[in-house]
Amino acid sequence: MSLKHFHIVFLGFAILCDAGFWLWMHLMPEDAASAGAAPLKNYAGLLCLALLAYSAWYLGKKMRTII
């Protein structure tokens, strides 16, 4: 597996993990509050959007120049 393919797989895994964390905090707010993760709710959502934007940029523009 080349480095660019690993980058794509890693981005997908990071997006899934971050979206799952964000979803867990929205569906189970009591558990998130008891774990001390409630203040991270907004940051997790913003990070997920930033990762989606970066992956769209990477697949759209950057991959054309690399391949």
PDB file of N, CA and C in Angstrom:
ATOM      1  N   MET A   1       0.854  -1.168   0.000  1.00  0.00           N
ATOM      2  CA  MET A   1       0.000   0.000   0.000  1.00  0.00           C
ATOM      3  C   MET A   1       0.901   1.232   0.000  1.00  0.00           C
ATOM      4  N   SER A   2       0.626   2.122  -0.915  1.00  0.00           N
ATOM      5  CA  SER A   2       1.436   3.326  -0.997  1.00  0.00           C
ATOM      6  C   SER A   2       1.013   4.339   0.068  1.00  0.00           C
ATOM      7  N   LEU A   3       1.810   5.365   0.196  1.00  0.00           N
ATOM      8  CA  LEU A   3       1.544   6.381   1.211  1.00  0.00           C
ATOM      9  C   LEU A   3       0.255   7.149   0.916  1.00  0.00           C
ATOM     10  N   LYS A   4      -0.018   7.420  -0.359  1.00  0.00           N
ATOM     11  CA  LYS A   4      -1.248   8.151  -0.686  1.00  0.00           C
ATOM     12  C   LYS A   4      -2.494   7.317  -0.400  1.00  0.00           C
ATOM     13  N   HIS A   5      -2.423   6.001  -0.623  1.00  0.00           N
ATOM     14  CA  HIS A   5      -3.564   5.152  -0.294  1.00  0.00           C
ATOM     15  C   HIS A   5      -3.739   5.031   1.216  1.00  0.00           C
ATOM     16  N   PHE A   6      -2.634   4.959   1.943  1.00  0.00           N
ATOM     17  CA  PHE A   6      -2.720   4.936   3.395  1.00  0.00           C
ATOM     18  C   PHE A   6      -3.346   6.236   3.908  1.00  0.00           C
ATOM     19  N   HIS A   7      -3.006   7.357   3.290  1.00  0.00           N
ATOM     20  CA  HIS A   7      -3.554   8.656   3.679  1.00  0.00           C
ATOM     21  C   HIS A   7      -5.074   8.666   3.500  1.00  0.00           C
ATOM     22  N   ILE A   8      -5.560   8.110   2.408  1.00  0.00           N
ATOM     23  CA  ILE A   8      -6.997   8.065   2.145  1.00  0.00           C
ATOM     24  C   ILE A   8      -7.692   7.165   3.166  1.00  0.00           C
ATOM     25  N   VAL A   9      -7.105   6.002   3.455  1.00  0.00           N
ATOM     26  CA  VAL A   9      -7.692   5.084   4.435  1.00  0.00           C
ATOM     27  C   VAL A   9      -7.686   5.724   5.822  1.00  0.00           C
ATOM     28  N   PHE A  10      -6.594   6.380   6.180  1.00  0.00           N
ATOM     29  CA  PHE A  10      -6.499   7.024   7.486  1.00  0.00           C
ATOM     30  C   PHE A  10      -7.517   8.156   7.614  1.00  0.00           C
ATOM     31  N   LEU A  11      -7.714   8.942   6.565  1.00  0.00           N
ATOM     32  CA  LEU A  11      -8.725  10.000   6.600  1.00  0.00           C
ATOM     33  C   LEU A  11     -10.124   9.422   6.796  1.00  0.00           C
ATOM     34  N   GLY A  12     -10.438   8.358   6.096  1.00  0.00           N
ATOM     35  CA  GLY A  12     -11.747   7.727   6.253  1.00  0.00           C
ATOM     36  C   GLY A  12     -11.955   7.206   7.663  1.00  0.00           C
ATOM     37  N   PHE A  13     -10.926   6.571   8.221  1.00  0.00           N
ATOM     38  CA  PHE A  13     -11.025   6.054   9.577  1.00  0.00           C
ATOM     39  C   PHE A  13     -11.165   7.191  10.591  1.00  0.00           C
ATOM     40  N   ALA A  14     -10.419   8.281  10.396  1.00  0.00           N
ATOM     41  CA  ALA A  14     -10.506   9.421  11.315  1.00  0.00           C
ATOM     42  C   ALA A  14     -11.886  10.073  11.260  1.00  0.00           C
ATOM     43  N   ILE A  15     -12.456  10.174  10.072  1.00  0.00           N
ATOM     44  CA  ILE A  15     -13.794  10.759   9.936  1.00  0.00           C
ATOM     45  C   ILE A  15     -14.835   9.877  10.617  1.00  0.00           C
ATOM     46  N   LEU A  16     -14.741   8.566  10.413  1.00  0.00           N
ATOM     47  CA  LEU A  16     -15.697   7.660  11.050  1.00  0.00           C
ATOM     48  C   LEU A  16     -15.591   7.693  12.573  1.00  0.00           C
ATOM     49  N   CYS A  17     -14.383   7.714  13.096  1.00  0.00           N
ATOM     50  CA  CYS A  17     -14.204   7.743  14.549  1.00  0.00           C
ATOM     51  C   CYS A  17     -14.704   9.058  15.139  1.00  0.00           C
ATOM     52  N   ASP A  18     -14.382  10.159  14.485  1.00  0.00           N
ATOM     53  CA  ASP A  18     -14.814  11.453  15.000  1.00  0.00           C
ATOM     54  C   ASP A  18     -16.326  11.614  14.893  1.00  0.00           C
ATOM     55  N   ALA A  19     -16.913  11.153  13.797  1.00  0.00           N
ATOM     56  CA  ALA A  19     -18.371  11.230  13.657  1.00  0.00           C
ATOM     57  C   ALA A  19     -19.055  10.331  14.685  1.00  0.00           C
ATOM     58  N   GLY A  20     -18.481   9.174  14.958  1.00  0.00           N
ATOM     59  CA  GLY A  20     -19.037   8.294  15.981  1.00  0.00           C
ATOM     60  C   GLY A  20     -18.963   8.910  17.360  1.00  0.00           C
ATOM     61  N   PHE A  21     -17.855   9.576  17.658  1.00  0.00           N
ATOM     62  CA  PHE A  21     -17.707  10.262  18.938  1.00  0.00           C
ATOM     63  C   PHE A  21     -18.719  11.380  19.067  1.00  0.00           C
ATOM     64  N   TRP A  22     -18.906  12.162  18.011  1.00  0.00           N
ATOM     65  CA  TRP A  22     -19.874  13.257  18.013  1.00  0.00           C
ATOM     66  C   TRP A  22     -21.293  12.716  18.175  1.00  0.00           C
ATOM     67  N   LEU A  23     -21.595  11.615  17.470  1.00  0.00           N
ATOM     68  CA  LEU A  23     -22.922  11.024  17.557  1.00  0.00           C
ATOM     69  C   LEU A  23     -23.186  10.464  18.952  1.00  0.00           C
ATOM     70  N   TRP A  24     -22.176   9.845  19.548  1.00  0.00           N
ATOM     71  CA  TRP A  24     -22.320   9.325  20.916  1.00  0.00           C
ATOM     72  C   TRP A  24     -22.633  10.453  21.895  1.00  0.00           C
ATOM     73  N   MET A  25     -21.972  11.596  21.727  1.00  0.00           N
ATOM     74  CA  MET A  25     -22.225  12.716  22.634  1.00  0.00           C
ATOM     75  C   MET A  25     -23.609  13.308  22.447  1.00  0.00           C
ATOM     76  N   HIS A  26     -24.171  13.204  21.242  1.00  0.00           N
ATOM     77  CA  HIS A  26     -25.518  13.728  21.023  1.00  0.00           C
ATOM     78  C   HIS A  26     -26.606  12.740  21.407  1.00  0.00           C
ATOM     79  N   LEU A  27     -26.350  11.452  21.239  1.00  0.00           N
ATOM     80  CA  LEU A  27     -27.381  10.465  21.564  1.00  0.00           C
ATOM     81  C   LEU A  27     -27.389  10.085  23.037  1.00  0.00           C
ATOM     82  N   MET A  28     -26.240  10.184  23.705  1.00  0.00           N
ATOM     83  CA  MET A  28     -26.137   9.838  25.125  1.00  0.00           C
ATOM     84  C   MET A  28     -25.453  10.970  25.891  1.00  0.00           C
ATOM     85  N   PRO A  29     -26.127  12.100  26.035  1.00  0.00           N
ATOM     86  CA  PRO A  29     -25.472  13.237  26.686  1.00  0.00           C
ATOM     87  C   PRO A  29     -25.173  13.003  28.164  1.00  0.00           C
ATOM     88  N   GLU A  30     -25.973  12.156  28.824  1.00  0.00           N
ATOM     89  CA  GLU A  30     -25.699  11.894  30.239  1.00  0.00           C
ATOM     90  C   GLU A  30     -24.391  11.125  30.401  1.00  0.00           C
ATOM     91  N   ASP A  31     -24.190  10.129  29.544  1.00  0.00           N
ATOM     92  CA  ASP A  31     -22.948   9.351  29.607  1.00  0.00           C
ATOM     93  C   ASP A  31     -21.744  10.219  29.243  1.00  0.00           C
ATOM     94  N   ALA A  32     -21.910  11.094  28.248  1.00  0.00           N
ATOM     95  CA  ALA A  32     -20.814  11.977  27.850  1.00  0.00           C
ATOM     96  C   ALA A  32     -20.474  12.950  28.971  1.00  0.00           C
ATOM     97  N   ALA A  33     -21.484  13.437  29.660  1.00  0.00           N
ATOM     98  CA  ALA A  33     -21.239  14.364  30.769  1.00  0.00           C
ATOM     99  C   ALA A  33     -20.555  13.659  31.928  1.00  0.00           C
ATOM    100  N   SER A  34     -20.965  12.432  32.197  1.00  0.00           N
ATOM    101  CA  SER A  34     -20.329  11.707  33.299  1.00  0.00           C
ATOM    102  C   SER A  34     -18.894  11.309  32.960  1.00  0.00           C
ATOM    103  N   ALA A  35     -18.596  11.155  31.677  1.00  0.00           N
ATOM    104  CA  ALA A  35     -17.229  10.840  31.258  1.00  0.00           C
ATOM    105  C   ALA A  35     -16.373  12.095  31.154  1.00  0.00           C
ATOM    106  N   GLY A  36     -16.996  13.268  31.221  1.00  0.00           N
ATOM    107  CA  GLY A  36     -16.258  14.526  31.139  1.00  0.00           C
ATOM    108  C   GLY A  36     -15.996  14.970  29.714  1.00  0.00           C
ATOM    109  N   ALA A  37     -16.717  14.403  28.752  1.00  0.00           N
ATOM    110  CA  ALA A  37     -16.489  14.722  27.346  1.00  0.00           C
ATOM    111  C   ALA A  37     -17.488  15.723  26.782  1.00  0.00           C
ATOM    112  N   ALA A  38     -18.413  16.197  27.584  1.00  0.00           N
ATOM    113  CA  ALA A  38     -19.451  17.100  27.093  1.00  0.00           C
ATOM    114  C   ALA A  38     -18.905  18.405  26.502  1.00  0.00           C
ATOM    115  N   PRO A  39     -17.852  19.005  27.056  1.00  0.00           N
ATOM    116  CA  PRO A  39     -17.346  20.242  26.441  1.00  0.00           C
ATOM    117  C   PRO A  39     -16.728  20.035  25.063  1.00  0.00           C
ATOM    118  N   LEU A  40     -16.446  18.807  24.695  1.00  0.00           N
ATOM    119  CA  LEU A  40     -15.814  18.534  23.403  1.00  0.00           C
ATOM    120  C   LEU A  40     -16.821  18.363  22.271  1.00  0.00           C
ATOM    121  N   LYS A  41     -18.104  18.481  22.565  1.00  0.00           N
ATOM    122  CA  LYS A  41     -19.147  18.220  21.571  1.00  0.00           C
ATOM    123  C   LYS A  41     -19.001  19.110  20.338  1.00  0.00           C
ATOM    124  N   ASN A  42     -18.859  20.403  20.547  1.00  0.00           N
ATOM    125  CA  ASN A  42     -18.755  21.330  19.420  1.00  0.00           C
ATOM    126  C   ASN A  42     -17.449  21.146  18.662  1.00  0.00           C
ATOM    127  N   TYR A  43     -16.372  20.867  19.377  1.00  0.00           N
ATOM    128  CA  TYR A  43     -15.079  20.682  18.724  1.00  0.00           C
ATOM    129  C   TYR A  43     -15.061  19.422  17.867  1.00  0.00           C
ATOM    130  N   ALA A  44     -15.728  18.384  18.317  1.00  0.00           N
ATOM    131  CA  ALA A  44     -15.787  17.149  17.539  1.00  0.00           C
ATOM    132  C   ALA A  44     -16.557  17.368  16.243  1.00  0.00           C
ATOM    133  N   GLY A  45     -17.625  18.126  16.308  1.00  0.00           N
ATOM    134  CA  GLY A  45     -18.387  18.435  15.095  1.00  0.00           C
ATOM    135  C   GLY A  45     -17.593  19.282  14.124  1.00  0.00           C
ATOM    136  N   LEU A  46     -16.884  20.273  14.641  1.00  0.00           N
ATOM    137  CA  LEU A  46     -16.062  21.110  13.772  1.00  0.00           C
ATOM    138  C   LEU A  46     -14.902  20.339  13.171  1.00  0.00           C
ATOM    139  N   LEU A  47     -14.312  19.457  13.951  1.00  0.00           N
ATOM    140  CA  LEU A  47     -13.217  18.646  13.435  1.00  0.00           C
ATOM    141  C   LEU A  47     -13.699  17.697  12.350  1.00  0.00           C
ATOM    142  N   CYS A  48     -14.879  17.137  12.519  1.00  0.00           N
ATOM    143  CA  CYS A  48     -15.430  16.255  11.499  1.00  0.00           C
ATOM    144  C   CYS A  48     -15.671  17.020  10.193  1.00  0.00           C
ATOM    145  N   LEU A  49     -16.193  18.220  10.292  1.00  0.00           N
ATOM    146  CA  LEU A  49     -16.397  19.040   9.096  1.00  0.00           C
ATOM    147  C   LEU A  49     -15.070  19.428   8.453  1.00  0.00           C
ATOM    148  N   ALA A  50     -14.078  19.735   9.269  1.00  0.00           N
ATOM    149  CA  ALA A  50     -12.766  20.085   8.732  1.00  0.00           C
ATOM    150  C   ALA A  50     -12.117  18.879   8.047  1.00  0.00           C
ATOM    151  N   LEU A  51     -12.256  17.702   8.629  1.00  0.00           N
ATOM    152  CA  LEU A  51     -11.712  16.501   7.999  1.00  0.00           C
ATOM    153  C   LEU A  51     -12.426  16.185   6.690  1.00  0.00           C
ATOM    154  N   LEU A  52     -13.720  16.393   6.645  1.00  0.00           N
ATOM    155  CA  LEU A  52     -14.461  16.187   5.401  1.00  0.00           C
ATOM    156  C   LEU A  52     -14.028  17.180   4.324  1.00  0.00           C
ATOM    157  N   ALA A  53     -13.836  18.433   4.702  1.00  0.00           N
ATOM    158  CA  ALA A  53     -13.389  19.440   3.745  1.00  0.00           C
ATOM    159  C   ALA A  53     -11.980  19.132   3.247  1.00  0.00           C
ATOM    160  N   TYR A  54     -11.095  18.717   4.146  1.00  0.00           N
ATOM    161  CA  TYR A  54      -9.733  18.378   3.740  1.00  0.00           C
ATOM    162  C   TYR A  54      -9.711  17.162   2.826  1.00  0.00           C
ATOM    163  N   SER A  55     -10.527  16.161   3.145  1.00  0.00           N
ATOM    164  CA  SER A  55     -10.530  14.973   2.292  1.00  0.00           C
ATOM    165  C   SER A  55     -11.119  15.290   0.915  1.00  0.00           C
ATOM    166  N   ALA A  56     -12.111  16.159   0.844  1.00  0.00           N
ATOM    167  CA  ALA A  56     -12.650  16.574  -0.455  1.00  0.00           C
ATOM    168  C   ALA A  56     -11.590  17.336  -1.244  1.00  0.00           C
ATOM    169  N   TRP A  57     -10.844  18.213  -0.581  1.00  0.00           N
ATOM    170  CA  TRP A  57      -9.767  18.938  -1.253  1.00  0.00           C
ATOM    171  C   TRP A  57      -8.676  17.985  -1.709  1.00  0.00           C
ATOM    172  N   TYR A  58      -8.308  17.044  -0.844  1.00  0.00           N
ATOM    173  CA  TYR A  58      -7.234  16.110  -1.167  1.00  0.00           C
ATOM    174  C   TYR A  58      -7.620  15.213  -2.341  1.00  0.00           C
ATOM    175  N   LEU A  59      -8.837  14.692  -2.325  1.00  0.00           N
ATOM    176  CA  LEU A  59      -9.257  13.817  -3.408  1.00  0.00           C
ATOM    177  C   LEU A  59      -9.533  14.596  -4.684  1.00  0.00           C
ATOM    178  N   GLY A  60      -9.985  15.832  -4.555  1.00  0.00           N
ATOM    179  CA  GLY A  60     -10.327  16.624  -5.722  1.00  0.00           C
ATOM    180  C   GLY A  60      -9.146  17.257  -6.421  1.00  0.00           C
ATOM    181  N   LYS A  61      -8.330  17.981  -5.679  1.00  0.00           N
ATOM    182  CA  LYS A  61      -7.245  18.737  -6.287  1.00  0.00           C
ATOM    183  C   LYS A  61      -5.893  18.059  -6.136  1.00  0.00           C
ATOM    184  N   LYS A  62      -5.560  17.713  -4.945  1.00  0.00           N
ATOM    185  CA  LYS A  62      -4.215  17.232  -4.643  1.00  0.00           C
ATOM    186  C   LYS A  62      -3.930  15.898  -5.313  1.00  0.00           C
ATOM    187  N   MET A  63      -4.898  14.995  -5.348  1.00  0.00           N
ATOM    188  CA  MET A  63      -4.648  13.675  -5.930  1.00  0.00           C
ATOM    189  C   MET A  63      -4.429  13.763  -7.442  1.00  0.00           C
ATOM    190  N   ARG A  64      -5.014  14.738  -8.091  1.00  0.00           N
ATOM    191  CA  ARG A  64      -4.803  14.887  -9.542  1.00  0.00           C
ATOM    192  C   ARG A  64      -3.355  15.245  -9.849  1.00  0.00           C
ATOM    193  N   THR A  65      -2.738  16.020  -8.984  1.00  0.00           N
ATOM    194  CA  THR A  65      -1.350  16.411  -9.229  1.00  0.00           C
ATOM    195  C   THR A  65      -0.369  15.333  -8.791  1.00  0.00           C
ATOM    196  N   ILE A  66      -0.787  14.464  -7.870  1.00  0.00           N
ATOM    197  CA  ILE A  66       0.106  13.417  -7.394  1.00  0.00           C
ATOM    198  C   ILE A  66       0.121  12.227  -8.345  1.00  0.00           C
ATOM    199  N   ILE A  67      -1.060  11.858  -8.834  1.00  0.00           N
ATOM    200  CA  ILE A  67      -1.157  10.654  -9.664  1.00  0.00           C
ATOM    201  C   ILE A  67      -0.629  10.904 -11.048  1.00  0.00           C
TER     202      ILE A  67
END
